[in-house]
Amino acid sequence: MADRTPAELERENAYLKLRLAQLESDNLDISAENGRLREERERLHARRTARAPNPLGSGQ
């Protein structure tokens, strides 16, 4: 790696800080979506178990 000027290092540092902020924001978004999907799955699973088949409801 060649020696870089202070200005180049400052630009790279600014870019890396911006990229880190973007990735942290993406991580938060994904974590929130994961939580929403988990809640939805639990809600759907609870609904499925709450609707147990009724043996008298089959038209017999």
Protein backbone atom coordinates (compact mmCIF):
# COMPACT_ATOMS: atom_id res chain seq x y z
CA MET A 1 0.00 0.00 0.00
CA ALA A 2 1.50 3.28 -1.09
CA ASP A 3 1.81 6.20 1.27
CA ARG A 4 -1.31 8.32 1.12
CA THR A 5 -1.66 12.00 1.77
CA PRO A 6 -3.54 13.25 4.83
CA ALA A 7 -6.29 14.55 2.54
CA GLU A 8 -6.76 11.09 1.00
CA LEU A 9 -6.88 9.52 4.43
CA GLU A 10 -9.44 12.09 5.60
CA ARG A 11 -11.64 11.38 2.55
CA GLU A 12 -11.39 7.65 3.13
CA ASN A 13 -12.18 8.10 6.83
CA ALA A 14 -15.23 10.24 6.00
CA TYR A 15 -16.41 7.63 3.49
CA LEU A 16 -15.95 4.79 5.98
CA LYS A 17 -17.82 6.69 8.68
CA LEU A 18 -20.71 7.32 6.27
CA ARG A 19 -20.73 3.69 5.16
CA LEU A 20 -20.74 2.50 8.77
CA ALA A 21 -23.72 4.75 9.54
CA GLN A 22 -25.56 3.35 6.51
CA LEU A 23 -24.85 -0.24 7.52
CA GLU A 24 -25.92 0.40 11.12
CA SER A 25 -29.18 1.90 9.82
CA ASP A 26 -29.72 -1.12 7.56
CA ASN A 27 -29.05 -3.42 10.50
CA LEU A 28 -31.67 -1.63 12.61
CA ASP A 29 -34.19 -1.86 9.76
CA ILE A 30 -33.56 -5.58 9.34
CA SER A 31 -33.79 -6.18 13.09
CA ALA A 32 -37.11 -4.34 13.24
CA GLU A 33 -38.45 -6.30 10.26
CA ASN A 34 -37.30 -9.53 11.88
CA GLY A 35 -39.20 -8.62 15.04
CA ARG A 36 -42.35 -7.82 13.04
CA LEU A 37 -42.13 -11.10 11.16
CA ARG A 38 -41.60 -13.03 14.40
CA GLU A 39 -44.69 -11.39 15.91
CA GLU A 40 -46.70 -12.18 12.78
CA ARG A 41 -45.58 -15.80 12.84
CA GLU A 42 -46.49 -16.11 16.52
CA ARG A 43 -49.86 -14.49 15.86
CA LEU A 44 -50.61 -16.83 12.98
CA HIS A 45 -49.43 -19.86 14.92
CA ALA A 46 -51.62 -18.91 17.89
CA ARG A 47 -54.59 -18.47 15.56
CA ARG A 48 -54.02 -21.91 14.04
CA THR A 49 -53.86 -23.58 17.47
CA ALA A 50 -56.90 -21.64 18.68
CA ARG A 51 -58.96 -23.03 15.81
CA ALA A 52 -58.81 -26.67 16.76
CA PRO A 53 -61.08 -28.81 14.60
CA ASN A 54 -64.54 -29.31 15.97
CA PRO A 55 -65.59 -32.96 15.58
CA LEU A 56 -69.26 -31.94 15.52
CA GLY A 57 -68.74 -29.28 12.88
CA SER A 58 -68.18 -31.65 9.95
CA GLY A 59 -71.86 -31.88 9.05
CA GLN A 60 -72.50 -35.25 10.63
